[in-house]
Every structure is written in structure tokens, then in C-alpha cells.
N, C-alpha and C. Protein backbone atom coordinates (compact mmCIF):
# COMPACT_ATOMS: atom_id res chain seq x y z
N UNK A 1 98.19 120.76 115.14
CA UNK A 1 97.26 119.69 114.87
C UNK A 1 97.69 118.95 113.59
N UNK A 2 97.37 117.68 113.55
CA UNK A 2 97.72 116.84 112.41
C UNK A 2 96.46 116.19 111.89
N UNK A 3 96.27 116.26 110.59
CA UNK A 3 95.17 115.56 109.95
C UNK A 3 95.70 114.36 109.19
N UNK A 4 94.84 113.37 109.03
CA UNK A 4 95.16 112.17 108.27
C UNK A 4 94.27 112.14 107.04
N UNK A 5 94.85 112.03 105.85
CA UNK A 5 94.08 112.01 104.61
C UNK A 5 93.04 110.88 104.65
N UNK A 6 91.80 111.26 104.50
CA UNK A 6 90.68 110.31 104.43
C UNK A 6 90.66 109.31 105.59
N UNK A 7 91.35 109.62 106.69
CA UNK A 7 91.45 108.70 107.83
C UNK A 7 91.91 107.31 107.42
N UNK A 8 92.73 107.22 106.37
CA UNK A 8 93.15 105.92 105.85
C UNK A 8 94.66 105.75 105.80
N UNK A 9 95.41 106.59 106.46
CA UNK A 9 96.86 106.46 106.44
C UNK A 9 97.26 105.41 107.48
N UNK A 10 98.08 104.46 107.06
CA UNK A 10 98.49 103.36 107.93
C UNK A 10 99.72 103.75 108.74
N UNK A 11 99.55 103.81 110.07
CA UNK A 11 100.65 104.16 110.97
C UNK A 11 101.13 102.96 111.78
N UNK A 12 100.74 101.76 111.38
CA UNK A 12 101.17 100.55 112.08
C UNK A 12 102.66 100.29 111.86
N UNK A 13 103.33 99.90 112.94
CA UNK A 13 104.75 99.50 112.88
C UNK A 13 105.65 100.54 112.23
N UNK A 14 105.45 101.79 112.60
CA UNK A 14 106.26 102.89 112.08
C UNK A 14 107.47 103.09 113.00
N UNK A 15 108.62 103.34 112.42
CA UNK A 15 109.84 103.60 113.19
C UNK A 15 109.61 104.79 114.12
N UNK A 16 110.10 104.70 115.35
CA UNK A 16 109.85 105.75 116.33
C UNK A 16 110.36 107.12 115.89
N UNK A 17 111.40 107.17 115.07
CA UNK A 17 111.91 108.46 114.60
C UNK A 17 110.94 109.13 113.63
N UNK A 18 110.09 108.36 112.99
CA UNK A 18 109.07 108.94 112.11
C UNK A 18 108.04 109.69 112.95
N UNK A 19 107.64 109.12 114.07
CA UNK A 19 106.70 109.84 114.95
C UNK A 19 107.31 111.16 115.42
N UNK A 20 108.58 111.13 115.78
CA UNK A 20 109.27 112.36 116.20
C UNK A 20 109.28 113.37 115.06
N UNK A 21 109.63 112.90 113.85
CA UNK A 21 109.70 113.79 112.70
C UNK A 21 108.34 114.39 112.37
N UNK A 22 107.29 113.60 112.45
CA UNK A 22 105.94 114.11 112.19
C UNK A 22 105.61 115.25 113.16
N UNK A 23 105.98 115.09 114.42
CA UNK A 23 105.69 116.15 115.39
C UNK A 23 106.45 117.43 115.07
N UNK A 24 107.69 117.32 114.62
CA UNK A 24 108.49 118.49 114.25
C UNK A 24 107.89 119.16 113.02
N UNK A 25 107.53 118.38 112.01
CA UNK A 25 106.96 118.92 110.78
C UNK A 25 105.62 119.61 111.08
N UNK A 26 104.84 119.04 111.96
CA UNK A 26 103.56 119.66 112.34
C UNK A 26 103.79 121.05 112.93
N UNK A 27 104.81 121.19 113.75
CA UNK A 27 105.14 122.50 114.34
C UNK A 27 105.52 123.50 113.26
N UNK A 28 106.27 123.04 112.26
CA UNK A 28 106.68 123.94 111.18
C UNK A 28 105.49 124.36 110.31
N UNK A 29 104.58 123.44 110.07
CA UNK A 29 103.34 123.80 109.35
C UNK A 29 102.56 124.83 110.14
N UNK A 30 102.42 124.61 111.45
CA UNK A 30 101.68 125.54 112.29
C UNK A 30 102.33 126.92 112.30
N UNK A 31 103.66 126.96 112.27
CA UNK A 31 104.36 128.25 112.22
C UNK A 31 104.03 128.99 110.93
N UNK A 32 103.66 128.26 109.88
CA UNK A 32 103.24 128.84 108.61
C UNK A 32 101.74 129.00 108.52
N UNK A 33 101.07 128.97 109.69
CA UNK A 33 99.62 129.14 109.78
C UNK A 33 98.88 128.11 108.92
N UNK A 34 99.37 126.87 108.95
CA UNK A 34 98.79 125.78 108.17
C UNK A 34 98.71 124.54 109.04
N UNK A 35 98.00 123.56 108.56
CA UNK A 35 97.87 122.31 109.28
C UNK A 35 98.51 121.18 108.48
N UNK A 36 99.29 120.36 109.16
CA UNK A 36 99.92 119.22 108.51
C UNK A 36 98.85 118.18 108.18
N UNK A 37 98.86 117.72 106.93
CA UNK A 37 98.00 116.61 106.51
C UNK A 37 98.92 115.51 106.01
N UNK A 38 98.90 114.37 106.71
CA UNK A 38 99.66 113.20 106.27
C UNK A 38 98.87 112.52 105.16
N UNK A 39 99.53 112.29 104.03
CA UNK A 39 98.85 111.67 102.90
C UNK A 39 99.27 110.21 102.70
N UNK A 40 100.41 109.82 103.27
CA UNK A 40 100.85 108.44 103.16
C UNK A 40 101.94 108.17 104.19
N UNK A 41 101.87 106.98 104.79
CA UNK A 41 102.96 106.49 105.63
C UNK A 41 103.27 105.07 105.17
N UNK A 42 102.56 104.08 105.68
CA UNK A 42 102.81 102.69 105.26
C UNK A 42 101.70 102.19 104.35
N UNK A 43 101.24 103.00 103.48
CA UNK A 43 100.11 102.66 102.62
C UNK A 43 100.37 103.18 101.21
N UNK A 44 99.46 102.94 100.33
CA UNK A 44 99.53 103.41 98.94
C UNK A 44 100.62 102.67 98.16
N UNK A 45 100.68 102.98 96.88
CA UNK A 45 101.75 102.46 96.03
C UNK A 45 102.76 103.59 95.84
N UNK A 46 104.02 103.20 95.78
CA UNK A 46 105.09 104.20 95.68
C UNK A 46 105.99 103.89 94.49
N UNK A 47 106.72 104.90 94.08
CA UNK A 47 107.54 104.82 92.86
C UNK A 47 108.59 103.72 92.90
N UNK A 48 109.12 103.45 94.06
CA UNK A 48 110.22 102.48 94.17
C UNK A 48 109.74 101.25 94.93
N UNK A 49 110.09 100.07 94.44
CA UNK A 49 109.67 98.85 95.13
C UNK A 49 110.31 98.72 96.50
N UNK A 50 111.45 99.37 96.72
CA UNK A 50 112.12 99.35 98.02
C UNK A 50 111.88 100.64 98.80
N UNK A 51 110.77 101.29 98.56
CA UNK A 51 110.46 102.54 99.23
C UNK A 51 110.48 102.36 100.75
N UNK A 52 110.99 103.36 101.43
CA UNK A 52 110.99 103.34 102.89
C UNK A 52 109.58 103.38 103.46
N UNK A 53 108.60 103.76 102.67
CA UNK A 53 107.21 103.73 103.14
C UNK A 53 106.83 102.32 103.59
N UNK A 54 107.25 101.33 102.83
CA UNK A 54 106.83 99.95 103.08
C UNK A 54 107.37 99.39 104.40
N UNK A 55 108.41 100.00 104.94
CA UNK A 55 108.99 99.53 106.20
C UNK A 55 108.80 100.54 107.33
N UNK A 56 107.91 101.50 107.13
CA UNK A 56 107.58 102.45 108.19
C UNK A 56 108.63 103.49 108.47
N UNK A 57 109.40 103.85 107.44
CA UNK A 57 110.46 104.85 107.62
C UNK A 57 110.31 106.04 106.70
N UNK A 58 109.08 106.31 106.22
CA UNK A 58 108.84 107.47 105.36
C UNK A 58 107.40 107.93 105.51
N UNK A 59 107.20 109.21 105.23
CA UNK A 59 105.85 109.75 105.20
C UNK A 59 105.78 110.89 104.21
N UNK A 60 104.55 111.18 103.77
CA UNK A 60 104.31 112.25 102.81
C UNK A 60 103.37 113.28 103.43
N UNK A 61 103.60 114.56 103.09
CA UNK A 61 102.82 115.67 103.61
C UNK A 61 102.18 116.43 102.46
N UNK A 62 100.91 116.75 102.62
CA UNK A 62 100.21 117.56 101.61
C UNK A 62 100.85 118.94 101.56
N UNK A 63 100.91 119.52 100.35
CA UNK A 63 101.50 120.86 100.23
C UNK A 63 100.51 121.91 99.74
N UNK A 64 99.43 121.51 99.06
CA UNK A 64 98.55 122.53 98.47
C UNK A 64 97.84 123.36 99.53
N UNK A 65 97.83 122.88 100.77
CA UNK A 65 97.17 123.63 101.83
C UNK A 65 98.15 124.51 102.63
N UNK A 66 99.43 124.49 102.26
CA UNK A 66 100.42 125.28 103.00
C UNK A 66 100.37 126.73 102.54
N UNK A 67 100.32 127.64 103.51
CA UNK A 67 100.12 129.07 103.21
C UNK A 67 101.40 129.85 102.93
N UNK A 68 102.55 129.25 103.15
CA UNK A 68 103.81 129.98 102.97
C UNK A 68 104.59 129.50 101.76
N UNK A 69 105.87 129.82 101.75
CA UNK A 69 106.78 129.43 100.68
C UNK A 69 107.22 127.98 100.88
N UNK A 70 106.95 127.13 99.90
CA UNK A 70 107.25 125.70 100.03
C UNK A 70 108.75 125.41 100.06
N UNK A 71 109.53 126.16 99.32
CA UNK A 71 110.98 125.96 99.36
C UNK A 71 111.53 126.28 100.74
N UNK A 72 111.03 127.35 101.35
CA UNK A 72 111.47 127.70 102.70
C UNK A 72 111.03 126.64 103.71
N UNK A 73 109.80 126.15 103.57
CA UNK A 73 109.32 125.09 104.46
C UNK A 73 110.19 123.85 104.33
N UNK A 74 110.48 123.45 103.11
CA UNK A 74 111.29 122.25 102.88
C UNK A 74 112.67 122.41 103.51
N UNK A 75 113.27 123.57 103.34
CA UNK A 75 114.59 123.82 103.94
C UNK A 75 114.50 123.81 105.47
N UNK A 76 113.46 124.38 106.02
CA UNK A 76 113.28 124.38 107.48
C UNK A 76 113.13 122.96 108.02
N UNK A 77 112.41 122.12 107.28
CA UNK A 77 112.26 120.72 107.69
C UNK A 77 113.62 120.02 107.66
N UNK A 78 114.38 120.23 106.60
CA UNK A 78 115.73 119.62 106.51
C UNK A 78 116.59 120.01 107.71
N UNK A 79 116.59 121.29 108.01
CA UNK A 79 117.41 121.79 109.12
C UNK A 79 116.94 121.23 110.46
N UNK A 80 115.63 121.15 110.66
CA UNK A 80 115.09 120.67 111.93
C UNK A 80 115.32 119.18 112.13
N UNK A 81 115.23 118.40 111.07
CA UNK A 81 115.34 116.95 111.20
C UNK A 81 116.78 116.46 111.16
N UNK A 82 117.65 117.19 110.50
CA UNK A 82 119.06 116.80 110.47
C UNK A 82 119.40 115.80 109.39
N UNK A 83 120.65 115.34 109.43
CA UNK A 83 121.23 114.51 108.37
C UNK A 83 120.67 113.10 108.28
N UNK A 84 119.98 112.63 109.30
CA UNK A 84 119.43 111.27 109.24
C UNK A 84 118.20 111.18 108.34
N UNK A 85 117.68 112.32 107.93
CA UNK A 85 116.46 112.35 107.12
C UNK A 85 116.72 112.94 105.75
N UNK A 86 116.03 112.38 104.75
CA UNK A 86 115.99 112.97 103.42
C UNK A 86 114.64 113.66 103.29
N UNK A 87 114.64 114.88 102.79
CA UNK A 87 113.42 115.68 102.63
C UNK A 87 113.37 116.14 101.18
N UNK A 88 112.32 115.72 100.47
CA UNK A 88 112.23 115.99 99.03
C UNK A 88 110.90 116.66 98.72
N UNK A 89 110.98 117.84 98.12
CA UNK A 89 109.77 118.53 97.67
C UNK A 89 109.39 117.97 96.31
N UNK A 90 108.28 117.24 96.27
CA UNK A 90 107.76 116.66 95.03
C UNK A 90 106.73 117.63 94.45
N UNK A 91 106.14 117.28 93.32
CA UNK A 91 105.17 118.18 92.68
C UNK A 91 103.89 118.34 93.49
N UNK A 92 103.51 117.34 94.26
CA UNK A 92 102.24 117.42 94.99
C UNK A 92 102.34 117.08 96.47
N UNK A 93 103.57 116.88 96.98
CA UNK A 93 103.75 116.57 98.40
C UNK A 93 105.21 116.74 98.79
N UNK A 94 105.45 116.72 100.10
CA UNK A 94 106.82 116.65 100.61
C UNK A 94 107.02 115.22 101.10
N UNK A 95 108.05 114.58 100.60
CA UNK A 95 108.41 113.22 101.01
C UNK A 95 109.53 113.32 102.04
N UNK A 96 109.35 112.62 103.16
CA UNK A 96 110.35 112.64 104.23
C UNK A 96 110.65 111.20 104.61
N UNK A 97 111.95 110.85 104.63
CA UNK A 97 112.30 109.48 105.00
C UNK A 97 113.47 109.46 105.97
N UNK A 98 113.40 108.50 106.89
CA UNK A 98 114.47 108.27 107.84
C UNK A 98 115.49 107.37 107.15
N UNK A 99 116.68 107.94 106.85
CA UNK A 99 117.71 107.24 106.09
C UNK A 99 119.08 107.61 106.63
N UNK A 100 119.42 107.10 107.84
CA UNK A 100 120.73 107.44 108.40
C UNK A 100 121.85 106.90 107.51
N UNK A 101 122.88 107.71 107.34
CA UNK A 101 123.96 107.36 106.41
C UNK A 101 125.10 106.59 107.07
N UNK A 102 125.14 106.49 108.40
CA UNK A 102 126.28 105.79 109.04
C UNK A 102 125.94 104.38 109.39
């Protein structure tokens, strides 16, 4: 199951690979007996003016509700999503962006 923070996360015009990635990340959260909570997709203010959030190619996941080891979860997400995605464990969330290098 996937929750949306405050029912205010904007999922309009999101790249199709983001939807795929969200489904994979949700499965990994469930494997850790936790529920994925999306905290941002195409909304909020972000650190970089060219953030992939603004073009529908990034999302953030809540971490304080995850019951397992966050480093292991982050590594599992990296492995599951592959090289086209950047996965960054921040202080209060996991940031995931679709950023193919070729």
C-alpha cells in the first residue's frame, strides 16, 4: 500500500518510469513491514532550481516510519531500480530521481 502525505502530493504529468519506481519501492517498504509514504513528487520547494521534481522525474519517501535498517533499504532500492535512477538517503527522506546517464 502507498500513502500520500496529507493527500497533497502532485502526481500530474509524472514520467512513467517514476510510477514504475514507486511500485518497486512500495514492495521494498512492505518487505520491511512498513508502508511507503510519498512526501513529494511535483510539489513543494526543493534545494535545486533545476530539481527533477519540477519535471516529474523525482519523488521523496518518508523514512521515520520505516521499521528496518535505512542503509539496507536504500541499497535495495538502488539495486532494484538500476543505473537509470539516483537514490539518496537524506536526513529525513529518501530522494529518488530518474536520471539516465546515456
